[in-house]
Amino acid sequence: MAKYLLLKHYRGGPASLNDVPMDRWTPEEVSAHARYMSDLAARLEGSGEFVDSQALSSEGTFVRHDGEGRPPVTDGPFAETKDLIAGWMVIDVETYERALEVAGELSAAPGAGGKPVQEWLEVRPFLSPCVTITD
């Protein structure tokens, strides 16, 4: 089994085919979208392929270290940035092809007008643990 991170973007990737921002959806459309994703997660949990998922707020702050004894430097909220992650799902599947299949299912979640969003999802494999060699 291999773990993959499926990233949903508010923006930063190619536009989805049903490219209506979620803040312009009706409450019923938002509920249908969330229900679809919850049902998909439940199916994946049943097959042992689901690890975790979370939706993320569109607000956040970049933080970096600024030297010993100094407070961290922040930049944000970052609404002006090119890339903004909407949420993620972690799956543990047998093959890369299965990861693509699951991402395709996630991309089919309903959006505005009840039509599939057909958003682009970023599929990223987890790095394998490094092997520690001892003498």
N, C-alpha and C. Protein backbone atom coordinates (compact mmCIF):
# COMPACT_ATOMS: atom_id res chain seq x y z
N MET A 1 0.85 -1.18 0.00
CA MET A 1 0.00 0.00 0.00
C MET A 1 0.90 1.24 0.00
N ALA A 2 0.42 2.27 -0.65
CA ALA A 2 1.15 3.54 -0.71
C ALA A 2 0.19 4.67 -0.40
N LYS A 3 0.67 5.65 0.35
CA LYS A 3 -0.17 6.79 0.72
C LYS A 3 -0.01 7.91 -0.30
N TYR A 4 -1.12 8.56 -0.60
CA TYR A 4 -1.16 9.70 -1.51
C TYR A 4 -1.96 10.82 -0.87
N LEU A 5 -1.52 12.03 -1.14
CA LEU A 5 -2.23 13.23 -0.71
C LEU A 5 -2.96 13.77 -1.93
N LEU A 6 -4.27 13.92 -1.82
CA LEU A 6 -5.08 14.52 -2.87
C LEU A 6 -5.39 15.94 -2.44
N LEU A 7 -4.84 16.92 -3.16
CA LEU A 7 -5.01 18.32 -2.79
C LEU A 7 -6.08 18.99 -3.63
N LYS A 8 -7.01 19.64 -2.95
CA LYS A 8 -8.04 20.44 -3.61
C LYS A 8 -7.61 21.90 -3.49
N HIS A 9 -7.65 22.62 -4.58
CA HIS A 9 -7.21 24.01 -4.59
C HIS A 9 -8.39 24.96 -4.76
N TYR A 10 -8.41 26.06 -3.98
CA TYR A 10 -9.34 27.14 -4.28
C TYR A 10 -8.94 27.77 -5.60
N ARG A 11 -7.64 27.93 -5.76
CA ARG A 11 -7.08 28.46 -7.00
C ARG A 11 -5.60 28.11 -7.03
N GLY A 12 -4.99 28.26 -8.18
CA GLY A 12 -3.58 27.95 -8.30
C GLY A 12 -3.36 26.84 -9.30
N GLY A 13 -4.32 25.96 -9.45
CA GLY A 13 -4.25 24.91 -10.47
C GLY A 13 -5.11 25.32 -11.65
N PRO A 14 -5.19 24.45 -12.65
CA PRO A 14 -6.07 24.75 -13.79
C PRO A 14 -7.52 24.89 -13.32
N ALA A 15 -8.27 25.74 -13.97
CA ALA A 15 -9.67 25.96 -13.59
C ALA A 15 -10.49 24.70 -13.81
N SER A 16 -11.47 24.48 -12.94
CA SER A 16 -12.37 23.35 -13.12
C SER A 16 -13.33 23.64 -14.26
N LEU A 17 -14.00 22.61 -14.76
CA LEU A 17 -14.95 22.81 -15.84
C LEU A 17 -16.20 23.56 -15.35
N ASN A 18 -16.65 23.25 -14.14
CA ASN A 18 -17.77 23.95 -13.53
C ASN A 18 -17.16 24.96 -12.56
N ASP A 19 -16.63 26.05 -13.12
CA ASP A 19 -15.76 26.99 -12.38
C ASP A 19 -16.54 28.12 -11.72
N VAL A 20 -17.51 27.77 -10.88
CA VAL A 20 -18.26 28.77 -10.12
C VAL A 20 -17.75 28.70 -8.69
N PRO A 21 -17.18 29.78 -8.15
CA PRO A 21 -16.65 29.74 -6.78
C PRO A 21 -17.71 29.30 -5.77
N MET A 22 -17.29 28.54 -4.78
CA MET A 22 -18.21 27.98 -3.80
C MET A 22 -19.00 29.06 -3.06
N ASP A 23 -18.42 30.26 -2.90
CA ASP A 23 -19.17 31.31 -2.18
C ASP A 23 -20.36 31.82 -3.01
N ARG A 24 -20.50 31.35 -4.24
CA ARG A 24 -21.66 31.70 -5.06
C ARG A 24 -22.62 30.53 -5.23
N TRP A 25 -22.38 29.42 -4.54
CA TRP A 25 -23.27 28.27 -4.57
C TRP A 25 -24.41 28.50 -3.59
N THR A 26 -25.53 27.83 -3.82
CA THR A 26 -26.64 27.87 -2.86
C THR A 26 -26.27 26.98 -1.68
N PRO A 27 -26.94 27.18 -0.54
CA PRO A 27 -26.67 26.28 0.60
C PRO A 27 -26.92 24.81 0.25
N GLU A 28 -27.91 24.55 -0.58
CA GLU A 28 -28.20 23.17 -0.99
C GLU A 28 -27.05 22.59 -1.82
N GLU A 29 -26.45 23.41 -2.69
CA GLU A 29 -25.33 22.95 -3.51
C GLU A 29 -24.10 22.65 -2.64
N VAL A 30 -23.86 23.49 -1.64
CA VAL A 30 -22.74 23.26 -0.72
C VAL A 30 -22.98 21.97 0.06
N SER A 31 -24.21 21.76 0.52
CA SER A 31 -24.54 20.54 1.27
C SER A 31 -24.38 19.30 0.41
N ALA A 32 -24.82 19.37 -0.85
CA ALA A 32 -24.69 18.22 -1.75
C ALA A 32 -23.21 17.90 -2.00
N HIS A 33 -22.40 18.92 -2.14
CA HIS A 33 -20.95 18.74 -2.35
C HIS A 33 -20.32 18.06 -1.13
N ALA A 34 -20.62 18.56 0.05
CA ALA A 34 -20.06 17.99 1.29
C ALA A 34 -20.55 16.56 1.49
N ARG A 35 -21.82 16.31 1.19
CA ARG A 35 -22.38 14.96 1.34
C ARG A 35 -21.68 13.98 0.39
N TYR A 36 -21.43 14.40 -0.85
CA TYR A 36 -20.74 13.56 -1.83
C TYR A 36 -19.36 13.18 -1.30
N MET A 37 -18.63 14.16 -0.81
CA MET A 37 -17.27 13.89 -0.33
C MET A 37 -17.29 13.01 0.92
N SER A 38 -18.27 13.21 1.78
CA SER A 38 -18.41 12.37 2.97
C SER A 38 -18.75 10.93 2.57
N ASP A 39 -19.64 10.77 1.59
CA ASP A 39 -20.00 9.42 1.12
C ASP A 39 -18.80 8.73 0.48
N LEU A 40 -18.01 9.48 -0.30
CA LEU A 40 -16.80 8.90 -0.90
C LEU A 40 -15.83 8.46 0.19
N ALA A 41 -15.63 9.30 1.19
CA ALA A 41 -14.73 8.95 2.30
C ALA A 41 -15.23 7.69 3.01
N ALA A 42 -16.54 7.57 3.18
CA ALA A 42 -17.10 6.38 3.85
C ALA A 42 -16.86 5.12 3.01
N ARG A 43 -17.01 5.23 1.69
CA ARG A 43 -16.74 4.08 0.82
C ARG A 43 -15.27 3.68 0.90
N LEU A 44 -14.38 4.68 0.89
CA LEU A 44 -12.94 4.39 0.97
C LEU A 44 -12.57 3.83 2.33
N GLU A 45 -13.25 4.29 3.36
CA GLU A 45 -13.01 3.75 4.70
C GLU A 45 -13.41 2.27 4.74
N GLY A 46 -14.53 1.97 4.09
CA GLY A 46 -14.99 0.58 4.03
C GLY A 46 -14.02 -0.34 3.31
N SER A 47 -13.31 0.18 2.33
CA SER A 47 -12.34 -0.63 1.58
C SER A 47 -10.94 -0.60 2.22
N GLY A 48 -10.79 0.17 3.30
CA GLY A 48 -9.49 0.28 3.97
C GLY A 48 -8.54 1.25 3.30
N GLU A 49 -9.05 2.09 2.39
CA GLU A 49 -8.18 3.00 1.64
C GLU A 49 -8.18 4.44 2.18
N PHE A 50 -9.10 4.76 3.06
CA PHE A 50 -9.21 6.13 3.59
C PHE A 50 -8.30 6.29 4.80
N VAL A 51 -7.55 7.41 4.83
CA VAL A 51 -6.72 7.73 5.99
C VAL A 51 -7.30 8.93 6.72
N ASP A 52 -7.51 10.05 6.02
CA ASP A 52 -8.02 11.26 6.66
C ASP A 52 -8.36 12.28 5.59
N SER A 53 -9.17 13.27 5.94
CA SER A 53 -9.44 14.40 5.04
C SER A 53 -9.88 15.59 5.87
N GLN A 54 -9.65 16.77 5.34
CA GLN A 54 -10.04 18.01 6.00
C GLN A 54 -10.30 19.08 4.95
N ALA A 55 -11.28 19.92 5.22
CA ALA A 55 -11.48 21.14 4.43
C ALA A 55 -10.73 22.25 5.16
N LEU A 56 -10.21 23.20 4.41
CA LEU A 56 -9.44 24.29 5.01
C LEU A 56 -10.10 25.63 4.73
N SER A 57 -9.96 26.54 5.66
CA SER A 57 -10.43 27.91 5.49
C SER A 57 -9.61 28.60 4.42
N SER A 58 -10.19 29.60 3.81
CA SER A 58 -9.43 30.37 2.82
C SER A 58 -8.50 31.38 3.47
N GLU A 59 -8.49 31.45 4.80
CA GLU A 59 -7.61 32.38 5.51
C GLU A 59 -6.45 31.63 6.14
N GLY A 60 -5.31 32.27 6.20
CA GLY A 60 -4.14 31.65 6.80
C GLY A 60 -2.98 32.63 6.77
N THR A 61 -1.88 32.23 7.36
CA THR A 61 -0.71 33.10 7.45
C THR A 61 0.55 32.29 7.17
N PHE A 62 1.45 32.84 6.38
CA PHE A 62 2.78 32.25 6.21
C PHE A 62 3.63 32.69 7.39
N VAL A 63 4.43 31.77 7.93
CA VAL A 63 5.29 32.06 9.08
C VAL A 63 6.67 31.50 8.79
N ARG A 64 7.71 32.26 9.19
CA ARG A 64 9.08 31.74 9.08
C ARG A 64 9.89 32.19 10.27
N HIS A 65 10.93 31.43 10.57
CA HIS A 65 11.89 31.73 11.63
C HIS A 65 12.69 32.97 11.22
N ASP A 66 12.96 33.87 12.18
CA ASP A 66 13.70 35.09 11.85
C ASP A 66 14.97 35.23 12.68
N GLY A 67 15.45 34.14 13.22
CA GLY A 67 16.69 34.20 13.99
C GLY A 67 16.45 33.92 15.46
N GLU A 68 17.50 33.45 16.12
CA GLU A 68 17.44 33.10 17.54
C GLU A 68 17.00 34.30 18.37
N GLY A 69 15.99 34.08 19.22
CA GLY A 69 15.52 35.12 20.13
C GLY A 69 14.62 36.16 19.48
N ARG A 70 14.33 36.02 18.24
CA ARG A 70 13.46 36.98 17.55
C ARG A 70 12.10 36.34 17.30
N PRO A 71 11.04 37.14 17.26
CA PRO A 71 9.71 36.56 17.00
C PRO A 71 9.62 36.09 15.54
N PRO A 72 8.76 35.13 15.29
CA PRO A 72 8.59 34.67 13.91
C PRO A 72 8.09 35.81 13.01
N VAL A 73 8.46 35.75 11.75
CA VAL A 73 7.99 36.71 10.77
C VAL A 73 6.73 36.13 10.13
N THR A 74 5.72 36.96 9.97
CA THR A 74 4.48 36.49 9.34
C THR A 74 4.17 37.31 8.10
N ASP A 75 3.43 36.70 7.22
CA ASP A 75 2.95 37.36 6.02
C ASP A 75 1.58 36.77 5.74
N GLY A 76 0.57 37.56 5.84
CA GLY A 76 -0.78 37.05 5.58
C GLY A 76 -1.79 37.88 6.32
N PRO A 77 -3.07 37.60 6.23
CA PRO A 77 -3.57 36.44 5.49
C PRO A 77 -3.19 36.51 4.02
N PHE A 78 -3.12 35.33 3.39
CA PHE A 78 -2.54 35.26 2.06
C PHE A 78 -3.56 35.14 0.93
N ALA A 79 -4.64 35.87 1.00
CA ALA A 79 -5.65 35.82 -0.06
C ALA A 79 -5.10 36.28 -1.40
N GLU A 80 -4.02 37.04 -1.39
CA GLU A 80 -3.46 37.54 -2.65
C GLU A 80 -2.54 36.54 -3.33
N THR A 81 -2.25 35.41 -2.70
CA THR A 81 -1.32 34.46 -3.30
C THR A 81 -1.95 33.71 -4.46
N LYS A 82 -1.10 33.17 -5.30
CA LYS A 82 -1.55 32.44 -6.48
C LYS A 82 -2.23 31.12 -6.10
N ASP A 83 -1.65 30.40 -5.15
CA ASP A 83 -2.13 29.07 -4.80
C ASP A 83 -2.78 29.10 -3.44
N LEU A 84 -3.94 28.47 -3.32
CA LEU A 84 -4.65 28.43 -2.05
C LEU A 84 -5.30 27.06 -1.93
N ILE A 85 -4.92 26.29 -0.93
CA ILE A 85 -5.42 24.93 -0.75
C ILE A 85 -6.78 24.97 -0.06
N ALA A 86 -7.76 24.29 -0.66
CA ALA A 86 -9.12 24.24 -0.11
C ALA A 86 -9.28 23.09 0.87
N GLY A 87 -8.57 22.02 0.63
CA GLY A 87 -8.67 20.87 1.50
C GLY A 87 -7.84 19.73 0.96
N TRP A 88 -7.88 18.60 1.67
CA TRP A 88 -7.06 17.48 1.27
C TRP A 88 -7.68 16.18 1.74
N MET A 89 -7.26 15.11 1.09
CA MET A 89 -7.63 13.77 1.50
C MET A 89 -6.37 12.92 1.40
N VAL A 90 -6.15 12.09 2.39
CA VAL A 90 -5.05 11.14 2.35
C VAL A 90 -5.65 9.76 2.16
N ILE A 91 -5.13 9.04 1.16
CA ILE A 91 -5.59 7.69 0.89
C ILE A 91 -4.39 6.75 0.94
N ASP A 92 -4.67 5.49 1.17
CA ASP A 92 -3.64 4.46 1.22
C ASP A 92 -4.10 3.36 0.27
N VAL A 93 -3.54 3.32 -0.93
CA VAL A 93 -4.03 2.44 -1.99
C VAL A 93 -2.91 1.56 -2.52
N GLU A 94 -3.29 0.54 -3.25
CA GLU A 94 -2.34 -0.43 -3.79
C GLU A 94 -1.47 0.14 -4.90
N THR A 95 -2.05 0.99 -5.77
CA THR A 95 -1.32 1.44 -6.94
C THR A 95 -1.53 2.92 -7.22
N TYR A 96 -0.63 3.48 -7.98
CA TYR A 96 -0.76 4.86 -8.45
C TYR A 96 -2.04 5.02 -9.28
N GLU A 97 -2.34 4.01 -10.09
CA GLU A 97 -3.54 4.07 -10.91
C GLU A 97 -4.79 4.17 -10.05
N ARG A 98 -4.81 3.45 -8.92
CA ARG A 98 -5.96 3.54 -8.00
C ARG A 98 -6.03 4.94 -7.40
N ALA A 99 -4.89 5.55 -7.09
CA ALA A 99 -4.89 6.92 -6.56
C ALA A 99 -5.51 7.87 -7.58
N LEU A 100 -5.18 7.69 -8.85
CA LEU A 100 -5.77 8.54 -9.90
C LEU A 100 -7.27 8.30 -10.01
N GLU A 101 -7.68 7.05 -9.87
CA GLU A 101 -9.11 6.72 -9.93
C GLU A 101 -9.88 7.42 -8.80
N VAL A 102 -9.34 7.36 -7.60
CA VAL A 102 -9.99 8.01 -6.45
C VAL A 102 -10.03 9.53 -6.66
N ALA A 103 -8.92 10.12 -7.15
CA ALA A 103 -8.91 11.56 -7.41
C ALA A 103 -9.97 11.93 -8.44
N GLY A 104 -10.16 11.08 -9.46
CA GLY A 104 -11.21 11.32 -10.44
C GLY A 104 -12.58 11.30 -9.82
N GLU A 105 -12.82 10.39 -8.89
CA GLU A 105 -14.11 10.34 -8.19
C GLU A 105 -14.31 11.60 -7.35
N LEU A 106 -13.26 12.04 -6.67
CA LEU A 106 -13.35 13.25 -5.85
C LEU A 106 -13.63 14.47 -6.72
N SER A 107 -13.06 14.50 -7.90
CA SER A 107 -13.25 15.61 -8.84
C SER A 107 -14.68 15.69 -9.34
N ALA A 108 -15.41 14.59 -9.25
CA ALA A 108 -16.79 14.55 -9.75
C ALA A 108 -17.82 15.05 -8.74
N ALA A 109 -17.38 15.56 -7.59
CA ALA A 109 -18.32 16.08 -6.59
C ALA A 109 -19.19 17.16 -7.22
N PRO A 110 -20.47 17.21 -6.85
CA PRO A 110 -21.35 18.21 -7.45
C PRO A 110 -21.00 19.62 -6.98
N GLY A 111 -21.24 20.56 -7.86
CA GLY A 111 -21.01 21.97 -7.56
C GLY A 111 -22.21 22.79 -7.94
N ALA A 112 -21.98 23.96 -8.51
CA ALA A 112 -23.06 24.86 -8.92
C ALA A 112 -23.99 24.14 -9.89
N GLY A 113 -25.28 24.31 -9.68
CA GLY A 113 -26.27 23.69 -10.55
C GLY A 113 -26.35 22.19 -10.40
N GLY A 114 -25.67 21.63 -9.40
CA GLY A 114 -25.67 20.19 -9.19
C GLY A 114 -24.79 19.44 -10.17
N LYS A 115 -24.11 20.16 -11.05
CA LYS A 115 -23.23 19.52 -12.03
C LYS A 115 -21.88 19.23 -11.39
N PRO A 116 -21.20 18.16 -11.84
CA PRO A 116 -19.87 17.86 -11.29
C PRO A 116 -18.92 19.05 -11.44
N VAL A 117 -18.16 19.31 -10.39
CA VAL A 117 -17.19 20.41 -10.41
C VAL A 117 -16.13 20.13 -11.47
N GLN A 118 -15.71 18.88 -11.57
CA GLN A 118 -14.63 18.48 -12.48
C GLN A 118 -13.40 19.35 -12.27
N GLU A 119 -13.06 19.50 -10.97
CA GLU A 119 -11.87 20.27 -10.63
C GLU A 119 -10.63 19.42 -10.80
N TRP A 120 -9.51 20.09 -11.02
CA TRP A 120 -8.24 19.40 -11.07
C TRP A 120 -7.77 19.17 -9.64
N LEU A 121 -7.32 17.98 -9.34
CA LEU A 121 -6.77 17.67 -8.04
C LEU A 121 -5.30 17.32 -8.20
N GLU A 122 -4.52 17.72 -7.24
CA GLU A 122 -3.10 17.40 -7.24
C GLU A 122 -2.91 16.09 -6.48
N VAL A 123 -2.29 15.11 -7.11
CA VAL A 123 -2.04 13.81 -6.49
C VAL A 123 -0.55 13.74 -6.16
N ARG A 124 -0.24 13.65 -4.86
CA ARG A 124 1.16 13.67 -4.42
C ARG A 124 1.43 12.43 -3.57
N PRO A 125 2.39 11.59 -3.97
CA PRO A 125 2.74 10.44 -3.13
C PRO A 125 3.52 10.89 -1.90
N PHE A 126 3.31 10.18 -0.81
CA PHE A 126 4.13 10.41 0.39
C PHE A 126 5.52 9.84 0.10
N LEU A 127 6.54 10.45 0.65
CA LEU A 127 7.88 9.90 0.55
C LEU A 127 7.96 8.66 1.43
N SER A 128 8.69 7.68 0.97
CA SER A 128 8.91 6.49 1.78
C SER A 128 9.81 6.85 2.93
N PRO A 129 9.66 6.18 4.07
CA PRO A 129 10.56 6.47 5.19
C PRO A 129 12.01 6.18 4.77
N CYS A 130 12.90 7.00 5.26
CA CYS A 130 14.32 6.79 4.99
C CYS A 130 14.82 5.60 5.79
N VAL A 131 15.68 4.83 5.20
CA VAL A 131 16.26 3.69 5.88
C VAL A 131 17.45 4.17 6.71
N THR A 132 17.51 3.79 7.96
CA THR A 132 18.62 4.15 8.83
C THR A 132 19.60 3.00 8.87
N ILE A 133 20.85 3.27 8.56
CA ILE A 133 21.87 2.24 8.58
C ILE A 133 22.73 2.43 9.82
N THR A 134 22.85 1.38 10.60
CA THR A 134 23.68 1.44 11.80
C THR A 134 24.76 0.37 11.69
N ASP A 135 25.87 0.61 12.32
CA ASP A 135 26.97 -0.37 12.31
C ASP A 135 26.89 -1.28 13.50
